[in-house]
Amino acid sequence: MRDQFPFAVARVTRRWRKMLDERLKDLGVTQARWSTMVYLDKGGEGLTQRELASLMAIENPTLVRLLDSWKSRV
């Protein structure tokens, strides 16, 4: 049972993101963009890209791709 726990958490996470993406679709926002906005708000002014990636627990290149895709839509 314990060895299945990480997989169960991963399934719940995927379902959560999918449901959230569906709810945010009309606003033109995804879960990834929404969480970026939340972390930017929490981080305050002067937050560096590296600090933002660390807060979000993602790699810097992942954040770059996310921000670039967001910029192209705005």
N, C-alpha and C. Protein backbone atom coordinates (compact mmCIF):
# COMPACT_ATOMS: atom_id res chain seq x y z
N MET A 1 0.82 -1.20 0.00
CA MET A 1 0.00 0.00 0.00
C MET A 1 0.87 1.27 0.00
N ARG A 2 1.89 1.29 0.84
CA ARG A 2 2.76 2.48 0.92
C ARG A 2 3.45 2.77 -0.40
N ASP A 3 3.82 1.73 -1.12
CA ASP A 3 4.53 1.95 -2.38
C ASP A 3 3.61 2.53 -3.45
N GLN A 4 2.31 2.46 -3.25
CA GLN A 4 1.35 3.03 -4.20
C GLN A 4 1.02 4.49 -3.90
N PHE A 5 1.36 4.95 -2.72
CA PHE A 5 1.00 6.31 -2.31
C PHE A 5 1.51 7.39 -3.27
N PRO A 6 2.78 7.37 -3.66
CA PRO A 6 3.24 8.43 -4.59
C PRO A 6 2.46 8.44 -5.91
N PHE A 7 2.08 7.27 -6.38
CA PHE A 7 1.32 7.20 -7.62
C PHE A 7 -0.09 7.75 -7.44
N ALA A 8 -0.68 7.49 -6.28
CA ALA A 8 -2.01 8.03 -5.99
C ALA A 8 -1.96 9.55 -5.91
N VAL A 9 -0.93 10.08 -5.28
CA VAL A 9 -0.77 11.54 -5.19
C VAL A 9 -0.59 12.13 -6.59
N ALA A 10 0.18 11.48 -7.42
CA ALA A 10 0.39 11.97 -8.79
C ALA A 10 -0.93 11.97 -9.57
N ARG A 11 -1.75 10.95 -9.41
CA ARG A 11 -3.05 10.90 -10.09
C ARG A 11 -3.97 12.02 -9.62
N VAL A 12 -4.01 12.24 -8.32
CA VAL A 12 -4.84 13.32 -7.76
C VAL A 12 -4.36 14.66 -8.28
N THR A 13 -3.06 14.86 -8.34
CA THR A 13 -2.49 16.12 -8.83
C THR A 13 -2.88 16.36 -10.29
N ARG A 14 -2.76 15.33 -11.12
CA ARG A 14 -3.14 15.47 -12.53
C ARG A 14 -4.63 15.80 -12.67
N ARG A 15 -5.46 15.13 -11.89
CA ARG A 15 -6.90 15.41 -11.94
C ARG A 15 -7.20 16.83 -11.49
N TRP A 16 -6.53 17.27 -10.43
CA TRP A 16 -6.72 18.63 -9.92
C TRP A 16 -6.38 19.65 -11.00
N ARG A 17 -5.23 19.47 -11.64
CA ARG A 17 -4.81 20.41 -12.69
C ARG A 17 -5.79 20.41 -13.86
N LYS A 18 -6.24 19.22 -14.24
CA LYS A 18 -7.19 19.13 -15.35
C LYS A 18 -8.50 19.83 -15.02
N MET A 19 -9.02 19.62 -13.81
CA MET A 19 -10.26 20.27 -13.40
C MET A 19 -10.08 21.78 -13.31
N LEU A 20 -8.96 22.20 -12.76
CA LEU A 20 -8.70 23.63 -12.63
C LEU A 20 -8.55 24.28 -14.00
N ASP A 21 -7.86 23.61 -14.92
CA ASP A 21 -7.73 24.14 -16.28
C ASP A 21 -9.09 24.30 -16.94
N GLU A 22 -9.99 23.33 -16.73
CA GLU A 22 -11.34 23.43 -17.29
C GLU A 22 -12.10 24.63 -16.72
N ARG A 23 -11.97 24.84 -15.42
CA ARG A 23 -12.65 25.97 -14.77
C ARG A 23 -12.10 27.32 -15.21
N LEU A 24 -10.81 27.38 -15.48
CA LEU A 24 -10.16 28.64 -15.82
C LEU A 24 -10.14 28.92 -17.32
N LYS A 25 -10.58 27.95 -18.12
CA LYS A 25 -10.50 28.06 -19.59
C LYS A 25 -11.18 29.32 -20.11
N ASP A 26 -12.36 29.66 -19.59
CA ASP A 26 -13.08 30.84 -20.07
C ASP A 26 -12.33 32.14 -19.79
N LEU A 27 -11.44 32.11 -18.82
CA LEU A 27 -10.64 33.30 -18.49
C LEU A 27 -9.34 33.35 -19.29
N GLY A 28 -9.08 32.28 -20.05
CA GLY A 28 -7.84 32.22 -20.82
C GLY A 28 -6.62 31.97 -19.94
N VAL A 29 -6.84 31.33 -18.81
CA VAL A 29 -5.77 31.07 -17.85
C VAL A 29 -5.70 29.57 -17.59
N THR A 30 -4.49 29.07 -17.42
CA THR A 30 -4.29 27.67 -17.04
C THR A 30 -3.86 27.61 -15.59
N GLN A 31 -3.84 26.42 -15.05
CA GLN A 31 -3.39 26.23 -13.67
C GLN A 31 -1.96 26.74 -13.51
N ALA A 32 -1.12 26.48 -14.50
CA ALA A 32 0.28 26.92 -14.42
C ALA A 32 0.38 28.44 -14.40
N ARG A 33 -0.39 29.10 -15.24
CA ARG A 33 -0.37 30.57 -15.27
C ARG A 33 -0.96 31.15 -13.99
N TRP A 34 -2.04 30.55 -13.53
CA TRP A 34 -2.69 31.02 -12.30
C TRP A 34 -1.73 30.90 -11.12
N SER A 35 -1.06 29.75 -11.00
CA SER A 35 -0.14 29.58 -9.87
C SER A 35 1.05 30.53 -9.99
N THR A 36 1.48 30.83 -11.21
CA THR A 36 2.56 31.81 -11.40
C THR A 36 2.13 33.17 -10.88
N MET A 37 0.91 33.57 -11.21
CA MET A 37 0.40 34.86 -10.73
C MET A 37 0.34 34.89 -9.20
N VAL A 38 -0.08 33.79 -8.60
CA VAL A 38 -0.16 33.72 -7.13
C VAL A 38 1.23 33.87 -6.52
N TYR A 39 2.20 33.14 -7.07
CA TYR A 39 3.56 33.23 -6.53
C TYR A 39 4.18 34.60 -6.77
N LEU A 40 3.88 35.22 -7.90
CA LEU A 40 4.37 36.58 -8.14
C LEU A 40 3.80 37.55 -7.12
N ASP A 41 2.53 37.39 -6.81
CA ASP A 41 1.89 38.24 -5.80
C ASP A 41 2.51 38.02 -4.42
N LYS A 42 2.74 36.77 -4.07
CA LYS A 42 3.33 36.46 -2.76
C LYS A 42 4.77 36.92 -2.65
N GLY A 43 5.50 36.84 -3.78
CA GLY A 43 6.92 37.18 -3.77
C GLY A 43 7.19 38.67 -3.67
N GLY A 44 6.25 39.47 -4.13
CA GLY A 44 6.41 40.91 -4.06
C GLY A 44 7.35 41.46 -5.12
N GLU A 45 7.53 42.77 -5.08
CA GLU A 45 8.40 43.44 -6.05
C GLU A 45 9.85 43.03 -5.84
N GLY A 46 10.59 43.02 -6.92
CA GLY A 46 12.00 42.70 -6.83
C GLY A 46 12.30 41.21 -6.85
N LEU A 47 11.27 40.39 -7.02
CA LEU A 47 11.46 38.94 -7.07
C LEU A 47 12.18 38.58 -8.37
N THR A 48 13.28 37.86 -8.26
CA THR A 48 14.01 37.47 -9.46
C THR A 48 13.37 36.22 -10.07
N GLN A 49 13.71 35.97 -11.30
CA GLN A 49 13.21 34.79 -12.00
C GLN A 49 13.65 33.52 -11.28
N ARG A 50 14.87 33.50 -10.84
CA ARG A 50 15.40 32.34 -10.11
C ARG A 50 14.63 32.13 -8.80
N GLU A 51 14.34 33.22 -8.09
CA GLU A 51 13.59 33.12 -6.84
C GLU A 51 12.16 32.62 -7.10
N LEU A 52 11.56 33.12 -8.18
CA LEU A 52 10.21 32.69 -8.53
C LEU A 52 10.19 31.19 -8.85
N ALA A 53 11.16 30.73 -9.62
CA ALA A 53 11.23 29.31 -9.94
C ALA A 53 11.40 28.48 -8.68
N SER A 54 12.21 28.97 -7.76
CA SER A 54 12.42 28.26 -6.49
C SER A 54 11.13 28.21 -5.67
N LEU A 55 10.42 29.33 -5.59
CA LEU A 55 9.15 29.36 -4.87
C LEU A 55 8.14 28.38 -5.45
N MET A 56 8.15 28.26 -6.78
CA MET A 56 7.20 27.40 -7.46
C MET A 56 7.65 25.95 -7.50
N ALA A 57 8.88 25.69 -7.04
CA ALA A 57 9.47 24.35 -7.04
C ALA A 57 9.56 23.78 -8.46
N ILE A 58 9.98 24.65 -9.39
CA ILE A 58 10.21 24.22 -10.77
C ILE A 58 11.59 24.68 -11.19
N GLU A 59 12.09 24.10 -12.26
CA GLU A 59 13.39 24.49 -12.78
C GLU A 59 13.26 25.82 -13.53
N ASN A 60 14.35 26.58 -13.57
CA ASN A 60 14.35 27.87 -14.23
C ASN A 60 13.95 27.78 -15.71
N PRO A 61 14.46 26.80 -16.48
CA PRO A 61 14.03 26.71 -17.89
C PRO A 61 12.52 26.47 -18.04
N THR A 62 11.94 25.73 -17.11
CA THR A 62 10.49 25.51 -17.13
C THR A 62 9.76 26.83 -16.94
N LEU A 63 10.23 27.64 -16.01
CA LEU A 63 9.63 28.94 -15.78
C LEU A 63 9.78 29.83 -17.01
N VAL A 64 10.93 29.79 -17.64
CA VAL A 64 11.16 30.60 -18.85
C VAL A 64 10.14 30.23 -19.92
N ARG A 65 9.94 28.93 -20.16
CA ARG A 65 8.95 28.50 -21.16
C ARG A 65 7.55 28.97 -20.78
N LEU A 66 7.23 28.86 -19.51
CA LEU A 66 5.91 29.29 -19.04
C LEU A 66 5.72 30.79 -19.24
N LEU A 67 6.70 31.58 -18.86
CA LEU A 67 6.60 33.03 -19.02
C LEU A 67 6.58 33.44 -20.49
N ASP A 68 7.39 32.77 -21.31
CA ASP A 68 7.40 33.07 -22.75
C ASP A 68 6.05 32.76 -23.39
N SER A 69 5.45 31.64 -23.03
CA SER A 69 4.15 31.30 -23.61
C SER A 69 3.07 32.26 -23.13
N TRP A 70 3.21 32.73 -21.90
CA TRP A 70 2.26 33.68 -21.35
C TRP A 70 2.39 35.03 -22.06
N LYS A 71 3.65 35.45 -22.27
CA LYS A 71 3.92 36.74 -22.93
C LYS A 71 3.34 36.75 -24.34
N SER A 72 3.43 35.64 -25.03
CA SER A 72 2.94 35.59 -26.40
C SER A 72 1.41 35.66 -26.48
N ARG A 73 0.73 35.38 -25.37
CA ARG A 73 -0.72 35.43 -25.35
C ARG A 73 -1.26 36.77 -24.88
N VAL A 74 -0.41 37.55 -24.22
CA VAL A 74 -0.87 38.83 -23.65
C VAL A 74 -0.77 39.93 -24.67
